Amino acid sequence: VQLQASGGGVVQAGGSLRLSCLAPGIRFSFYRLSWYRQRPGAQREWVARSRSGRDTEYADSVEGRFTISRGSAKFMIYLQMDNLKPEDTAVYYCNARASSSEDYWGQGTLVTVSS
């Protein structure tokens, strides 16, 4: 299964972006859905996860600014990013995981926040 992330771009500090992830064939009730990011020169880090429809968790660095959600459209995952900061500049990846052998990633979408 190949997830397809989109929605990245260039935005000024304080602005907003919404990332989308198409996860074809994924039965959301069986998967933990997450977003990760990799900032320049850094390792990939976890950003947000959704274990079920309303059970969400966020990294401290994005708490209160980012929102992960499952779309009403089938197989869609979103990451709403508000009040963006230059340090949010990164390649963002979506992930769907049910087990070590059922662990799927998107190709990444670049978000650049200018100061």
C-alpha atoms as a PDB file:
ATOM      1  CA  VAL A   1       0.000   0.000   0.000  1.00  0.00           C
ATOM      2  CA  GLN A   2       1.416   3.399  -0.973  1.00  0.00           C
ATOM      3  CA  LEU A   3       0.045   6.436   0.781  1.00  0.00           C
ATOM      4  CA  GLN A   4      -0.069   9.698  -1.190  1.00  0.00           C
ATOM      5  CA  ALA A   5       0.617  12.929   0.676  1.00  0.00           C
ATOM      6  CA  SER A   6      -0.066  16.361  -0.804  1.00  0.00           C
ATOM      7  CA  GLY A   7      -0.747  19.965   0.144  1.00  0.00           C
ATOM      8  CA  GLY A   8       2.724  21.210   0.975  1.00  0.00           C
ATOM      9  CA  GLY A   9       3.983  24.574  -0.211  1.00  0.00           C
ATOM     10  CA  VAL A  10       5.495  27.878   0.822  1.00  0.00           C
ATOM     11  CA  VAL A  11       3.721  29.983   3.428  1.00  0.00           C
ATOM     12  CA  GLN A  12       4.634  32.957   5.570  1.00  0.00           C
ATOM     13  CA  ALA A  13       5.033  32.645   9.311  1.00  0.00           C
ATOM     14  CA  GLY A  14       1.642  32.815  10.992  1.00  0.00           C
ATOM     15  CA  GLY A  15      -0.096  31.296   7.999  1.00  0.00           C
ATOM     16  CA  SER A  16      -1.915  27.997   7.562  1.00  0.00           C
ATOM     17  CA  LEU A  17      -1.725  24.911   5.376  1.00  0.00           C
ATOM     18  CA  ARG A  18      -3.721  21.718   5.216  1.00  0.00           C
ATOM     19  CA  LEU A  19      -1.937  18.530   4.272  1.00  0.00           C
ATOM     20  CA  SER A  20      -3.869  15.617   2.815  1.00  0.00           C
ATOM     21  CA  CYS A  21      -3.036  11.931   2.666  1.00  0.00           C
ATOM     22  CA  LEU A  22      -4.820   9.373   0.559  1.00  0.00           C
ATOM     23  CA  ALA A  23      -4.564   5.902   2.083  1.00  0.00           C
ATOM     24  CA  PRO A  24      -6.243   3.591  -0.421  1.00  0.00           C
ATOM     25  CA  GLY A  25      -7.597   0.364   0.975  1.00  0.00           C
ATOM     26  CA  ILE A  26      -6.726   1.154   4.576  1.00  0.00           C
ATOM     27  CA  ARG A  27      -9.421   0.201   7.067  1.00  0.00           C
ATOM     28  CA  PHE A  28      -9.033   3.094   9.479  1.00  0.00           C
ATOM     29  CA  SER A  29     -10.579   1.283  12.436  1.00  0.00           C
ATOM     30  CA  PHE A  30      -7.642  -1.152  12.437  1.00  0.00           C
ATOM     31  CA  TYR A  31      -4.847   1.399  11.943  1.00  0.00           C
ATOM     32  CA  ARG A  32      -3.097   4.088  13.889  1.00  0.00           C
ATOM     33  CA  LEU A  33      -2.799   7.117  11.604  1.00  0.00           C
ATOM     34  CA  SER A  34       0.071   9.530  12.083  1.00  0.00           C
ATOM     35  CA  TRP A  35       2.011  12.409  10.619  1.00  0.00           C
ATOM     36  CA  TYR A  36       5.773  12.700  10.917  1.00  0.00           C
ATOM     37  CA  ARG A  37       8.214  15.299   9.663  1.00  0.00           C
ATOM     38  CA  GLN A  38      11.881  15.574   8.870  1.00  0.00           C
ATOM     39  CA  ARG A  39      13.430  18.991   9.286  1.00  0.00           C
ATOM     40  CA  PRO A  40      16.630  19.904   7.411  1.00  0.00           C
ATOM     41  CA  GLY A  41      19.613  18.135   8.945  1.00  0.00           C
ATOM     42  CA  ALA A  42      17.479  16.292  11.498  1.00  0.00           C
ATOM     43  CA  GLN A  43      15.985  12.851  11.964  1.00  0.00           C
ATOM     44  CA  ARG A  44      12.357  12.113  11.232  1.00  0.00           C
ATOM     45  CA  GLU A  45      10.134  12.980  14.190  1.00  0.00           C
ATOM     46  CA  TRP A  46       6.592  12.214  15.157  1.00  0.00           C
ATOM     47  CA  VAL A  47       4.087  15.103  14.927  1.00  0.00           C
ATOM     48  CA  ALA A  48       0.547  13.812  15.499  1.00  0.00           C
ATOM     49  CA  ARG A  49      -1.462  10.586  15.672  1.00  0.00           C
ATOM     50  CA  SER A  50      -5.043   9.424  15.642  1.00  0.00           C
ATOM     51  CA  ARG A  51      -5.841   6.049  17.169  1.00  0.00           C
ATOM     52  CA  SER A  52      -9.539   6.259  16.524  1.00  0.00           C
ATOM     53  CA  GLY A  53     -12.014   8.884  15.483  1.00  0.00           C
ATOM     54  CA  ARG A  54     -11.472  11.209  18.461  1.00  0.00           C
ATOM     55  CA  ASP A  55      -8.379   9.909  20.253  1.00  0.00           C
ATOM     56  CA  THR A  56      -5.581  12.229  19.107  1.00  0.00           C
ATOM     57  CA  GLU A  57      -2.116  13.094  20.400  1.00  0.00           C
ATOM     58  CA  TYR A  58       0.389  15.768  19.425  1.00  0.00           C
ATOM     59  CA  ALA A  59       4.035  16.545  19.879  1.00  0.00           C
ATOM     60  CA  ASP A  60       4.587  19.406  22.323  1.00  0.00           C
ATOM     61  CA  SER A  61       6.034  21.554  19.552  1.00  0.00           C
ATOM     62  CA  VAL A  62       2.753  21.562  17.588  1.00  0.00           C
ATOM     63  CA  GLU A  63       0.135  21.156  20.339  1.00  0.00           C
ATOM     64  CA  GLY A  64      -2.610  23.744  19.915  1.00  0.00           C
ATOM     65  CA  ARG A  65      -1.519  24.652  16.372  1.00  0.00           C
ATOM     66  CA  PHE A  66      -1.923  21.412  14.395  1.00  0.00           C
ATOM     67  CA  THR A  67      -4.987  19.180  14.082  1.00  0.00           C
ATOM     68  CA  ILE A  68      -5.053  15.651  12.711  1.00  0.00           C
ATOM     69  CA  SER A  69      -8.332  14.365  11.371  1.00  0.00           C
ATOM     70  CA  ARG A  70      -9.886  11.609   9.304  1.00  0.00           C
ATOM     71  CA  GLY A  71     -11.804  12.900   6.326  1.00  0.00           C
ATOM     72  CA  SER A  72     -15.434  12.267   5.570  1.00  0.00           C
ATOM     73  CA  ALA A  73     -14.168  11.124   2.201  1.00  0.00           C
ATOM     74  CA  LYS A  74     -13.008   7.559   2.352  1.00  0.00           C
ATOM     75  CA  PHE A  75      -9.329   6.856   2.960  1.00  0.00           C
ATOM     76  CA  MET A  76      -8.356  10.489   3.628  1.00  0.00           C
ATOM     77  CA  ILE A  77      -6.214  11.780   6.485  1.00  0.00           C
ATOM     78  CA  TYR A  78      -5.579  15.476   7.074  1.00  0.00           C
ATOM     79  CA  LEU A  79      -3.195  17.650   9.023  1.00  0.00           C
ATOM     80  CA  GLN A  80      -4.423  21.201   9.533  1.00  0.00           C
ATOM     81  CA  MET A  81      -1.474  23.423  10.420  1.00  0.00           C
ATOM     82  CA  ASP A  82      -2.157  26.895  11.805  1.00  0.00           C
ATOM     83  CA  ASN A  83       0.109  29.656  13.102  1.00  0.00           C
ATOM     84  CA  LEU A  84       3.031  28.127  11.264  1.00  0.00           C
ATOM     85  CA  LYS A  85       6.558  28.960  12.352  1.00  0.00           C
ATOM     86  CA  PRO A  86       9.835  28.858  10.409  1.00  0.00           C
ATOM     87  CA  GLU A  87      10.873  25.867  12.537  1.00  0.00           C
ATOM     88  CA  ASP A  88       7.939  23.913  11.080  1.00  0.00           C
ATOM     89  CA  THR A  89       9.784  23.834   7.756  1.00  0.00           C
ATOM     90  CA  ALA A  90      10.162  20.140   6.909  1.00  0.00           C
ATOM     91  CA  VAL A  91       9.117  17.290   4.686  1.00  0.00           C
ATOM     92  CA  TYR A  92       5.908  15.878   6.137  1.00  0.00           C
ATOM     93  CA  TYR A  93       5.012  12.179   5.890  1.00  0.00           C
ATOM     94  CA  CYS A  94       1.777  10.358   6.603  1.00  0.00           C
ATOM     95  CA  ASN A  95       1.802   6.886   8.124  1.00  0.00           C
ATOM     96  CA  ALA A  96      -0.735   4.124   8.682  1.00  0.00           C
ATOM     97  CA  ARG A  97       0.312   1.353  11.037  1.00  0.00           C
ATOM     98  CA  ALA A  98      -1.528  -1.721  12.314  1.00  0.00           C
ATOM     99  CA  SER A  99       1.529  -3.872  13.070  1.00  0.00           C
ATOM    100  CA  SER A 100       5.212  -4.155  12.214  1.00  0.00           C
ATOM    101  CA  SER A 101       4.286  -5.846   8.943  1.00  0.00           C
ATOM    102  CA  GLU A 102       1.430  -3.470   8.169  1.00  0.00           C
ATOM    103  CA  ASP A 103       3.263  -0.162   8.329  1.00  0.00           C
ATOM    104  CA  TYR A 104       2.731   2.133   5.339  1.00  0.00           C
ATOM    105  CA  TRP A 105       4.191   5.521   4.426  1.00  0.00           C
ATOM    106  CA  GLY A 106       3.523   8.320   1.993  1.00  0.00           C
ATOM    107  CA  GLN A 107       6.228   9.862  -0.157  1.00  0.00           C
ATOM    108  CA  GLY A 108       6.415  13.140   1.752  1.00  0.00           C
ATOM    109  CA  THR A 109       5.334  16.683   0.994  1.00  0.00           C
ATOM    110  CA  LEU A 110       7.537  19.736   1.568  1.00  0.00           C
ATOM    111  CA  VAL A 111       6.371  22.598   3.771  1.00  0.00           C
ATOM    112  CA  THR A 112       8.445  25.771   3.791  1.00  0.00           C
ATOM    113  CA  VAL A 113       7.614  28.544   6.258  1.00  0.00           C
ATOM    114  CA  SER A 114       9.276  31.880   5.573  1.00  0.00           C
ATOM    115  CA  SER A 115       9.926  34.444   8.277  1.00  0.00           C
END
